[in-house]
Protein backbone atom coordinates (compact mmCIF):
# COMPACT_ATOMS: atom_id res chain seq x y z
CA MET A 1 -49.59 179.42 -90.20
CA PRO A 2 -49.38 180.63 -93.63
CA LEU A 3 -47.67 178.40 -96.23
CA ASP A 4 -43.92 178.79 -96.23
CA PRO A 5 -42.85 180.96 -99.10
CA GLN A 6 -40.28 178.55 -100.41
CA ALA A 7 -42.94 175.79 -100.25
CA LYS A 8 -45.38 178.14 -102.22
CA ALA A 9 -42.79 178.70 -104.77
CA VAL A 10 -42.52 174.94 -105.48
CA LEU A 11 -46.32 174.38 -105.62
CA ASP A 12 -46.31 177.49 -108.03
CA GLN A 13 -43.76 175.79 -110.05
CA PHE A 14 -45.61 172.52 -110.15
CA ALA A 15 -48.80 174.41 -111.05
CA SER A 16 -47.06 176.07 -114.00
CA MET A 17 -45.76 172.83 -115.42
CA GLY A 18 -49.23 171.54 -115.59
CA GLY A 19 -49.66 167.69 -116.17
CA PRO A 20 -51.69 165.04 -114.45
CA GLN A 21 -51.40 164.32 -110.71
CA PHE A 22 -50.43 160.84 -109.56
CA HIS A 23 -53.87 159.32 -109.36
CA GLU A 24 -54.31 160.48 -112.98
CA MET A 25 -51.41 158.54 -114.16
CA SER A 26 -50.39 154.99 -115.01
CA VAL A 27 -47.99 153.33 -112.66
CA ALA A 28 -45.18 153.61 -115.14
CA GLN A 29 -45.81 157.34 -115.49
CA ALA A 30 -45.91 157.91 -111.93
CA ARG A 31 -42.50 156.17 -111.44
CA GLU A 32 -41.12 158.20 -114.22
CA LEU A 33 -42.23 161.35 -112.58
CA ILE A 34 -40.72 160.79 -109.23
CA LEU A 35 -37.32 160.05 -110.82
CA GLY A 36 -37.69 163.56 -112.36
CA MET A 37 -37.93 165.13 -108.77
CA VAL A 38 -34.62 163.99 -107.60
CA ALA A 39 -33.05 167.47 -108.45
CA LEU A 40 -35.19 168.93 -105.62
CA ALA A 41 -32.87 167.31 -102.96
CA GLY A 42 -29.91 169.18 -104.20
CA GLU A 43 -26.32 167.99 -105.36
CA PRO A 44 -25.62 164.56 -103.77
CA GLU A 45 -23.04 164.65 -101.04
CA SER A 46 -19.88 162.54 -101.21
CA VAL A 47 -19.50 159.61 -98.69
CA ALA A 48 -16.67 157.56 -97.78
CA ARG A 49 -18.15 154.30 -99.42
CA ILE A 50 -21.24 153.03 -101.37
CA GLU A 51 -21.98 149.36 -101.94
CA ASN A 52 -24.86 147.84 -103.93
CA ARG A 53 -25.72 144.30 -103.01
CA THR A 54 -28.45 141.97 -102.08
CA VAL A 55 -29.68 140.36 -99.00
CA PRO A 56 -31.86 137.53 -98.51
CA GLY A 57 -35.70 138.05 -98.61
CA PRO A 58 -38.99 135.90 -98.33
CA ALA A 59 -39.42 135.95 -102.07
CA GLY A 60 -35.69 136.08 -103.24
CA GLU A 61 -32.98 138.57 -103.03
CA ILE A 62 -33.68 142.17 -101.95
CA PRO A 63 -31.48 144.84 -103.37
CA VAL A 64 -29.87 147.29 -100.85
CA ARG A 65 -27.45 150.32 -101.10
CA ILE A 66 -25.03 150.76 -98.32
CA TYR A 67 -23.63 154.29 -97.49
CA ALA A 68 -20.68 154.51 -95.39
CA PRO A 69 -19.58 157.88 -93.66
CA VAL A 70 -15.81 159.01 -92.95
CA GLY A 71 -14.59 157.44 -89.85
CA THR A 72 -13.66 154.29 -88.08
CA ALA A 73 -15.96 151.20 -87.96
CA PRO A 74 -18.21 150.05 -86.46
CA PHE A 75 -20.76 152.44 -87.10
CA PRO A 76 -24.41 152.52 -86.04
CA VAL A 77 -26.67 151.60 -88.63
CA LEU A 78 -29.98 153.11 -90.07
CA VAL A 79 -32.06 150.85 -92.20
CA TYR A 80 -34.01 153.49 -94.53
CA PHE A 81 -37.14 152.61 -96.41
CA HIS A 82 -38.05 155.14 -99.30
CA GLY A 83 -41.25 156.82 -99.65
CA GLY A 84 -43.51 156.69 -102.71
CA GLY A 85 -46.78 155.27 -101.70
CA TRP A 86 -45.60 151.78 -101.75
CA VAL A 87 -45.96 151.79 -105.53
CA ILE A 88 -43.18 154.49 -106.83
CA GLY A 89 -39.57 155.19 -105.66
CA ASN A 90 -36.43 153.33 -105.46
CA LEU A 91 -32.93 153.42 -104.37
CA ASP A 92 -31.98 156.37 -106.66
CA THR A 93 -34.97 158.47 -105.64
CA HIS A 94 -33.65 158.65 -102.16
CA ASP A 95 -29.98 158.47 -102.85
CA GLY A 96 -29.58 162.09 -101.69
CA ILE A 97 -31.22 161.85 -98.38
CA CYS A 98 -29.21 158.78 -97.47
CA ARG A 99 -25.93 160.36 -98.21
CA SER A 100 -26.87 163.31 -96.18
CA LEU A 101 -27.92 161.06 -93.16
CA ALA A 102 -24.91 159.03 -93.34
CA ASN A 103 -22.54 161.90 -93.07
CA ARG A 104 -24.63 164.03 -90.59
CA VAL A 105 -25.18 161.08 -88.17
CA GLY A 106 -21.96 159.25 -88.91
CA CYS A 107 -23.61 155.98 -89.35
CA LEU A 108 -24.07 153.43 -92.06
CA VAL A 109 -27.29 153.98 -93.93
CA VAL A 110 -28.76 150.92 -95.78
CA SER A 111 -31.51 151.92 -98.21
CA VAL A 112 -33.83 148.89 -98.89
CA ASP A 113 -35.37 148.34 -102.29
CA TYR A 114 -38.42 146.71 -101.27
CA ARG A 115 -41.08 145.21 -103.56
CA LEU A 116 -43.50 147.62 -105.02
CA ALA A 117 -47.35 147.34 -105.63
CA PRO A 118 -49.30 146.72 -107.62
CA GLU A 119 -46.93 143.92 -108.83
CA HIS A 120 -46.48 143.08 -105.10
CA ARG A 121 -49.29 144.04 -102.73
CA PHE A 122 -49.34 143.91 -99.14
CA PRO A 123 -47.59 142.25 -97.17
CA ALA A 124 -44.75 142.04 -99.72
CA ALA A 125 -43.10 145.43 -98.75
CA PRO A 126 -43.14 145.15 -94.98
CA GLU A 127 -42.18 141.43 -95.00
CA ASP A 128 -39.09 142.50 -97.22
CA CYS A 129 -38.23 145.43 -95.03
CA TYR A 130 -38.35 143.32 -91.91
CA ALA A 131 -36.39 140.54 -93.51
CA ALA A 132 -33.71 142.97 -94.67
CA THR A 133 -33.55 144.69 -91.16
CA ARG A 134 -33.20 141.28 -89.48
CA TRP A 135 -30.42 140.14 -91.84
CA LEU A 136 -28.47 143.58 -91.56
CA ALA A 137 -28.69 143.30 -87.65
CA GLU A 138 -27.52 139.65 -87.61
CA HIS A 139 -24.61 140.56 -90.12
CA ALA A 140 -23.86 144.17 -89.08
CA GLY A 141 -20.24 143.44 -88.17
CA SER A 142 -19.27 142.17 -91.45
CA LEU A 143 -20.54 145.46 -93.10
CA GLY A 144 -18.73 147.65 -90.60
CA GLY A 145 -21.78 148.23 -88.53
CA ASP A 146 -22.63 147.72 -84.78
CA LYS A 147 -25.31 145.34 -84.30
CA GLY A 148 -26.14 146.85 -80.89
CA ARG A 149 -27.06 150.20 -82.61
CA ILE A 150 -29.64 149.50 -85.26
CA ALA A 151 -32.39 152.09 -86.22
CA VAL A 152 -35.05 152.21 -88.75
CA GLY A 153 -36.33 155.10 -90.72
CA GLY A 154 -38.24 156.36 -93.83
CA ASP A 155 -40.47 158.95 -95.21
CA SER A 156 -44.07 158.74 -96.06
CA ALA A 157 -44.75 155.13 -97.06
CA GLY A 158 -41.38 154.56 -95.96
CA GLY A 159 -42.20 156.06 -92.63
CA ASN A 160 -45.13 153.69 -92.55
CA LEU A 161 -42.90 150.76 -93.15
CA ALA A 162 -40.37 152.10 -90.41
CA ALA A 163 -43.07 151.98 -87.97
CA VAL A 164 -44.30 148.46 -89.12
CA VAL A 165 -40.90 147.02 -88.86
CA ALA A 166 -40.69 148.28 -85.40
CA LEU A 167 -43.80 146.50 -84.57
CA MET A 168 -42.71 143.39 -86.32
CA ALA A 169 -39.36 143.33 -84.43
CA ARG A 170 -41.21 143.64 -81.12
CA ASP A 171 -43.70 141.01 -81.94
CA ARG A 172 -41.42 138.50 -83.59
CA GLY A 173 -38.56 138.59 -80.97
CA GLY A 174 -36.13 141.04 -82.53
CA PRO A 175 -33.90 142.45 -83.80
CA LYS A 176 -33.83 145.07 -80.92
CA LEU A 177 -33.93 148.55 -82.37
CA ALA A 178 -32.57 151.78 -81.03
CA PHE A 179 -34.70 154.25 -82.53
CA GLN A 180 -37.53 154.86 -85.33
CA LEU A 181 -37.47 157.90 -87.49
CA LEU A 182 -40.85 158.51 -89.00
CA VAL A 183 -41.10 161.34 -91.56
CA TYR A 184 -44.73 162.21 -92.40
CA PRO A 185 -45.55 158.58 -92.16
CA ALA A 186 -48.82 157.08 -93.41
CA THR A 187 -50.21 155.32 -90.39
CA ASP A 188 -53.98 154.54 -91.07
CA THR A 189 -56.49 154.52 -94.01
CA ASP A 190 -58.91 157.12 -92.63
CA PHE A 191 -59.31 159.67 -95.48
CA GLU A 192 -61.71 161.68 -93.38
CA THR A 193 -59.28 163.23 -90.89
CA ARG A 194 -59.01 166.92 -90.44
CA SER A 195 -55.73 167.02 -92.43
CA TYR A 196 -57.12 164.91 -95.29
CA ARG A 197 -60.18 167.25 -95.61
CA GLU A 198 -58.29 170.66 -95.27
CA ASN A 199 -55.32 169.46 -97.41
CA SER A 200 -57.15 167.41 -100.00
CA GLU A 201 -55.84 169.37 -102.93
CA GLY A 202 -53.27 172.02 -103.81
CA TYR A 203 -50.38 170.91 -101.64
CA PHE A 204 -48.49 168.43 -103.87
CA LEU A 205 -49.81 165.14 -102.38
CA THR A 206 -53.63 165.06 -102.68
CA ARG A 207 -56.34 163.00 -100.89
CA ALA A 208 -56.93 161.22 -104.27
CA ASP A 209 -53.30 160.47 -104.61
CA MET A 210 -53.43 158.61 -101.33
CA VAL A 211 -56.54 156.74 -102.33
CA TRP A 212 -54.80 155.72 -105.43
CA PHE A 213 -51.84 154.39 -103.58
CA TRP A 214 -53.62 152.63 -101.06
CA ASN A 215 -55.89 150.91 -103.81
CA HIS A 216 -52.72 149.66 -105.30
CA TYR A 217 -51.01 148.55 -102.19
CA ALA A 218 -53.81 147.21 -100.01
CA PRO A 219 -57.04 147.18 -101.92
CA ARG A 220 -58.76 144.79 -99.46
CA ASP A 221 -60.47 145.99 -96.30
CA GLU A 222 -59.06 143.08 -94.26
CA ASP A 223 -55.47 144.11 -95.13
CA ARG A 224 -56.40 147.85 -94.26
CA ARG A 225 -57.23 146.74 -90.91
CA ASN A 226 -53.98 144.76 -90.28
CA PRO A 227 -51.57 147.03 -88.27
CA TYR A 228 -48.86 145.80 -90.25
CA ALA A 229 -50.43 147.85 -92.97
CA ALA A 230 -51.93 150.59 -90.84
CA PRO A 231 -49.75 150.65 -87.59
CA LEU A 232 -52.17 153.14 -85.98
CA ARG A 233 -54.60 150.13 -85.51
CA ALA A 234 -52.18 148.18 -83.42
CA ALA A 235 -53.77 147.26 -80.11
CA SER A 236 -50.73 148.37 -78.31
CA LEU A 237 -47.66 150.27 -79.06
CA ARG A 238 -45.91 149.29 -75.82
CA GLY A 239 -42.34 148.23 -76.12
CA LEU A 240 -41.51 150.06 -79.25
CA PRO A 241 -38.14 151.99 -79.65
CA PRO A 242 -38.01 155.59 -79.07
CA ALA A 243 -39.30 157.80 -82.04
CA LEU A 244 -39.09 161.19 -83.78
CA VAL A 245 -42.02 161.82 -85.79
CA ILE A 246 -41.93 164.85 -88.39
CA THR A 247 -45.13 166.01 -89.90
CA ALA A 248 -46.02 168.86 -92.23
CA GLU A 249 -48.97 171.12 -91.54
CA PHE A 250 -50.07 171.25 -95.20
CA ASP A 251 -50.10 167.64 -95.83
CA PRO A 252 -52.97 165.16 -95.89
CA LEU A 253 -50.95 162.88 -93.83
CA CYS A 254 -50.35 165.50 -91.00
CA ASP A 255 -52.96 163.77 -88.67
CA ASP A 256 -51.62 160.27 -89.30
CA GLY A 257 -48.21 161.25 -88.02
CA ASN A 258 -49.51 163.33 -85.14
CA ALA A 259 -51.94 160.52 -83.97
CA TYR A 260 -49.28 157.99 -84.12
CA ALA A 261 -46.99 160.21 -82.09
CA ALA A 262 -49.86 160.62 -79.44
CA ARG A 263 -50.52 156.81 -79.38
CA LEU A 264 -46.63 156.14 -78.68
CA ARG A 265 -46.75 158.62 -75.94
CA GLU A 266 -49.91 157.11 -74.45
CA ASP A 267 -48.33 153.58 -74.41
CA GLY A 268 -45.05 154.96 -72.78
CA VAL A 269 -42.77 155.19 -75.73
CA PRO A 270 -40.41 158.13 -75.65
CA VAL A 271 -41.44 160.14 -78.84
CA ARG A 272 -40.91 163.78 -79.92
CA LEU A 273 -43.40 165.08 -82.37
CA SER A 274 -42.01 167.94 -84.80
CA GLN A 275 -44.95 169.37 -86.82
CA GLN A 276 -43.46 171.68 -89.42
CA ASP A 277 -45.97 174.39 -89.79
CA GLY A 278 -46.19 175.91 -93.25
CA LEU A 279 -44.62 173.10 -95.12
CA ILE A 280 -45.93 170.55 -97.50
CA HIS A 281 -45.58 166.64 -98.00
CA GLY A 282 -42.24 165.84 -99.59
CA PHE A 283 -40.30 168.80 -97.99
CA PHE A 284 -37.72 166.58 -96.33
CA GLN A 285 -36.33 165.81 -99.82
CA MET A 286 -36.55 169.26 -101.19
CA GLY A 287 -33.56 170.67 -99.30
CA ALA A 288 -32.24 172.40 -102.66
CA VAL A 289 -35.46 174.58 -102.82
CA ILE A 290 -36.77 174.76 -99.26
CA ASP A 291 -34.26 175.68 -96.34
CA ARG A 292 -36.36 174.14 -93.75
CA GLY A 293 -36.09 170.74 -95.59
CA ARG A 294 -32.36 170.87 -94.70
CA ALA A 295 -33.06 172.04 -91.15
CA SER A 296 -35.22 169.09 -90.62
CA VAL A 297 -32.64 166.57 -91.92
CA ASP A 298 -30.42 168.27 -89.40
CA GLU A 299 -32.98 167.76 -86.69
CA ALA A 300 -33.40 164.08 -87.54
CA SER A 301 -29.65 163.49 -87.57
CA ARG A 302 -29.30 164.89 -84.19
CA ALA A 303 -32.10 162.66 -82.90
CA LEU A 304 -30.31 159.53 -84.51
CA LYS A 305 -27.09 160.65 -82.98
CA ASP A 306 -28.46 161.17 -79.62
CA ALA A 307 -30.20 157.77 -79.68
CA PHE A 308 -27.00 155.91 -80.82
CA ALA A 309 -25.18 157.68 -78.26
CA THR A 310 -27.05 156.20 -75.40
CA ARG A 311 -26.39 152.65 -76.60
């Protein structure tokens, strides 16, 4: 399918601005750049309540931000992990999407500010995310949440972390998760897939960017073979919660997500794959400029509502 006209307009705007790509920047520069892209998500929606707090983690307190919708507690809970290649991004870069999901799903959204690489390499991020999810499941009631309806979700590196937390929860005896929302997740370190080759340059996220991110996050080969870094390498995906996997056609990570959805299906996990033809990496967070980004958030919200309704 041709490139979506609105996605093309975004790419043309990026090209007109010039400047280096992520892999040509310092870590500090890349973190500053991603903060400047928040406006692409649109005006932040109002929610009933926002609380910034910390929860215990393996190396100290983990900051989280809790978004509560209008309504009567207890609410189902979505634990959300932001994207950014495990190197960039924070609670503020994904504030808008968390607000939207809280309102559309009618759930608590808890955004987790996990430790970033290269200061904290693998397995710091997944261990933080798992610890936060476990704590939130155990203490959901005190936050206005329903401990029997907990889901995980995230985009890009956050989609990777959501998939990994689901694996950890299965392997470590809980918590029991109702659903996993995986938005263009990175699931492996194979940079020679069709989508990596065909979308290596020109579509916002590049192959070289992903090599840069992985080199900061998990530079050792033995770590890249670990399924808690590359969940597609898990021996089995049986027993994982149902999933919605959203991918984009013009994204180096397209085959990562598609292959993971196929593996989930092969291993008996209920999964729906939603490949968005014509779109680019990051579109889920570009609702102000890409209409199908908003539509995809609606699709994700419906899937979460359905999953919570069956619990």
